[in-house]
Amino acid sequence: MVSSTDDQTVIKVNRFLEIFVDYAQLGHYLVEFFTWMKYIPSSVASWKRRAEERYKESSDLFVGLFREVEDRIVMAFIRYSLPPRSPMM
């Protein structure tokens, strides 16, 4: 649950959005024009390493948020859908 704009989740999502807007600018990266550059190994291309790191960070962030919501849904389902236990007879 987000409590304020200083919440770590809000900060991480805002950071992701800043990076996304930067990457989404058309013509900002040469690899858009020279598509053969995508075959350059990451060990040689720092821009590719940075993009892979950012991809992993954002994937981890959103998968983590998804799992958190998924867990809350399951717990709510268990809590509200199962009748209370009755004593054994």
C-alpha atoms as a PDB file:
ATOM      1  CA  MET A   1       0.000   0.000   0.000  1.00  0.00           C
ATOM      2  CA  VAL A   2       1.361   3.404  -0.945  1.00  0.00           C
ATOM      3  CA  SER A   3       1.304   5.856   1.928  1.00  0.00           C
ATOM      4  CA  SER A   4       3.029   8.929   0.440  1.00  0.00           C
ATOM      5  CA  THR A   5       5.056  10.205  -2.484  1.00  0.00           C
ATOM      6  CA  ASP A   6       8.179   9.344  -0.490  1.00  0.00           C
ATOM      7  CA  ASP A   7       7.245   5.659  -0.616  1.00  0.00           C
ATOM      8  CA  GLN A   8      10.005   3.545  -2.215  1.00  0.00           C
ATOM      9  CA  THR A   9       7.565   2.048  -4.721  1.00  0.00           C
ATOM     10  CA  VAL A  10       6.538   5.504  -5.946  1.00  0.00           C
ATOM     11  CA  ILE A  11      10.178   6.555  -6.241  1.00  0.00           C
ATOM     12  CA  LYS A  12      11.069   3.417  -8.224  1.00  0.00           C
ATOM     13  CA  VAL A  13       8.089   3.753 -10.585  1.00  0.00           C
ATOM     14  CA  ASN A  14       8.886   7.437 -11.170  1.00  0.00           C
ATOM     15  CA  ARG A  15      12.482   6.519 -11.964  1.00  0.00           C
ATOM     16  CA  PHE A  16      11.275   3.866 -14.408  1.00  0.00           C
ATOM     17  CA  LEU A  17       9.024   6.426 -16.128  1.00  0.00           C
ATOM     18  CA  GLU A  18      11.886   8.905 -16.481  1.00  0.00           C
ATOM     19  CA  ILE A  19      14.060   6.222 -18.094  1.00  0.00           C
ATOM     20  CA  PHE A  20      11.193   5.019 -20.289  1.00  0.00           C
ATOM     21  CA  VAL A  21      10.507   8.517 -21.613  1.00  0.00           C
ATOM     22  CA  ASP A  22      14.221   8.917 -22.390  1.00  0.00           C
ATOM     23  CA  TYR A  23      14.374   5.598 -24.273  1.00  0.00           C
ATOM     24  CA  ALA A  24      11.093   6.246 -26.107  1.00  0.00           C
ATOM     25  CA  GLN A  25      12.404   9.319 -27.922  1.00  0.00           C
ATOM     26  CA  LEU A  26      12.644   8.493 -31.603  1.00  0.00           C
ATOM     27  CA  GLY A  27      16.109   8.834 -33.055  1.00  0.00           C
ATOM     28  CA  HIS A  28      17.735   9.152 -29.656  1.00  0.00           C
ATOM     29  CA  TYR A  29      19.866   6.024 -30.116  1.00  0.00           C
ATOM     30  CA  LEU A  30      21.937   5.070 -33.181  1.00  0.00           C
ATOM     31  CA  VAL A  31      20.834   1.450 -32.969  1.00  0.00           C
ATOM     32  CA  GLU A  32      17.453   2.597 -34.329  1.00  0.00           C
ATOM     33  CA  PHE A  33      19.151   3.609 -37.593  1.00  0.00           C
ATOM     34  CA  PHE A  34      21.924   1.025 -37.712  1.00  0.00           C
ATOM     35  CA  THR A  35      20.039  -2.123 -36.763  1.00  0.00           C
ATOM     36  CA  TRP A  36      23.139  -4.269 -37.132  1.00  0.00           C
ATOM     37  CA  MET A  37      24.359  -2.676 -33.877  1.00  0.00           C
ATOM     38  CA  LYS A  38      21.992  -4.907 -31.891  1.00  0.00           C
ATOM     39  CA  TYR A  39      24.382  -7.789 -32.633  1.00  0.00           C
ATOM     40  CA  ILE A  40      27.320  -6.069 -30.920  1.00  0.00           C
ATOM     41  CA  PRO A  41      28.190  -7.994 -27.734  1.00  0.00           C
ATOM     42  CA  SER A  42      27.237  -6.363 -24.440  1.00  0.00           C
ATOM     43  CA  SER A  43      30.832  -6.604 -23.266  1.00  0.00           C
ATOM     44  CA  VAL A  44      31.821  -4.083 -25.968  1.00  0.00           C
ATOM     45  CA  ALA A  45      28.731  -1.866 -26.037  1.00  0.00           C
ATOM     46  CA  SER A  46      28.166   0.039 -22.802  1.00  0.00           C
ATOM     47  CA  TRP A  47      24.791   1.335 -24.071  1.00  0.00           C
ATOM     48  CA  LYS A  48      23.618  -2.247 -24.512  1.00  0.00           C
ATOM     49  CA  ARG A  49      24.793  -3.259 -21.029  1.00  0.00           C
ATOM     50  CA  ARG A  50      22.989  -0.266 -19.544  1.00  0.00           C
ATOM     51  CA  ALA A  51      19.793  -1.144 -21.449  1.00  0.00           C
ATOM     52  CA  GLU A  52      19.976  -4.767 -20.257  1.00  0.00           C
ATOM     53  CA  GLU A  53      20.494  -3.636 -16.654  1.00  0.00           C
ATOM     54  CA  ARG A  54      17.552  -1.245 -16.868  1.00  0.00           C
ATOM     55  CA  TYR A  55      15.405  -4.001 -18.401  1.00  0.00           C
ATOM     56  CA  LYS A  56      16.227  -6.324 -15.507  1.00  0.00           C
ATOM     57  CA  GLU A  57      15.567  -3.592 -12.913  1.00  0.00           C
ATOM     58  CA  SER A  58      12.196  -2.667 -14.397  1.00  0.00           C
ATOM     59  CA  SER A  59      11.183  -6.304 -14.859  1.00  0.00           C
ATOM     60  CA  ASP A  60      12.070  -7.077 -11.243  1.00  0.00           C
ATOM     61  CA  LEU A  61      10.109  -4.031 -10.089  1.00  0.00           C
ATOM     62  CA  PHE A  62       6.916  -4.820 -11.988  1.00  0.00           C
ATOM     63  CA  VAL A  63       7.026  -8.576 -11.407  1.00  0.00           C
ATOM     64  CA  GLY A  64       7.467  -7.841  -7.697  1.00  0.00           C
ATOM     65  CA  LEU A  65       4.475  -5.491  -7.707  1.00  0.00           C
ATOM     66  CA  PHE A  66       2.434  -8.068  -9.606  1.00  0.00           C
ATOM     67  CA  ARG A  67       3.334 -10.826  -7.140  1.00  0.00           C
ATOM     68  CA  GLU A  68       2.412  -8.573  -4.215  1.00  0.00           C
ATOM     69  CA  VAL A  69      -1.037  -7.907  -5.689  1.00  0.00           C
ATOM     70  CA  GLU A  70      -1.440 -11.560  -6.587  1.00  0.00           C
ATOM     71  CA  ASP A  71      -0.655 -12.579  -2.995  1.00  0.00           C
ATOM     72  CA  ARG A  72      -3.135 -10.038  -1.625  1.00  0.00           C
ATOM     73  CA  ILE A  73      -5.866 -11.354  -3.927  1.00  0.00           C
ATOM     74  CA  VAL A  74      -5.214 -14.934  -2.861  1.00  0.00           C
ATOM     75  CA  MET A  75      -5.234 -14.003   0.819  1.00  0.00           C
ATOM     76  CA  ALA A  76      -8.491 -12.042   0.413  1.00  0.00           C
ATOM     77  CA  PHE A  77     -10.050 -14.957  -1.439  1.00  0.00           C
ATOM     78  CA  ILE A  78      -9.042 -17.399   1.283  1.00  0.00           C
ATOM     79  CA  ARG A  79     -10.198 -15.119   4.062  1.00  0.00           C
ATOM     80  CA  TYR A  80     -13.602 -14.237   2.590  1.00  0.00           C
ATOM     81  CA  SER A  81     -14.544 -17.323   0.606  1.00  0.00           C
ATOM     82  CA  LEU A  82     -13.986 -20.111   3.093  1.00  0.00           C
ATOM     83  CA  PRO A  83     -16.532 -20.586   5.871  1.00  0.00           C
ATOM     84  CA  PRO A  84     -15.196 -20.525   9.408  1.00  0.00           C
ATOM     85  CA  ARG A  85     -14.187 -23.895  10.731  1.00  0.00           C
ATOM     86  CA  SER A  86     -16.709 -25.605  12.876  1.00  0.00           C
ATOM     87  CA  PRO A  87     -15.650 -27.876  15.721  1.00  0.00           C
ATOM     88  CA  MET A  88     -15.463 -31.529  14.797  1.00  0.00           C
ATOM     89  CA  MET A  89     -18.315 -33.668  16.025  1.00  0.00           C
END
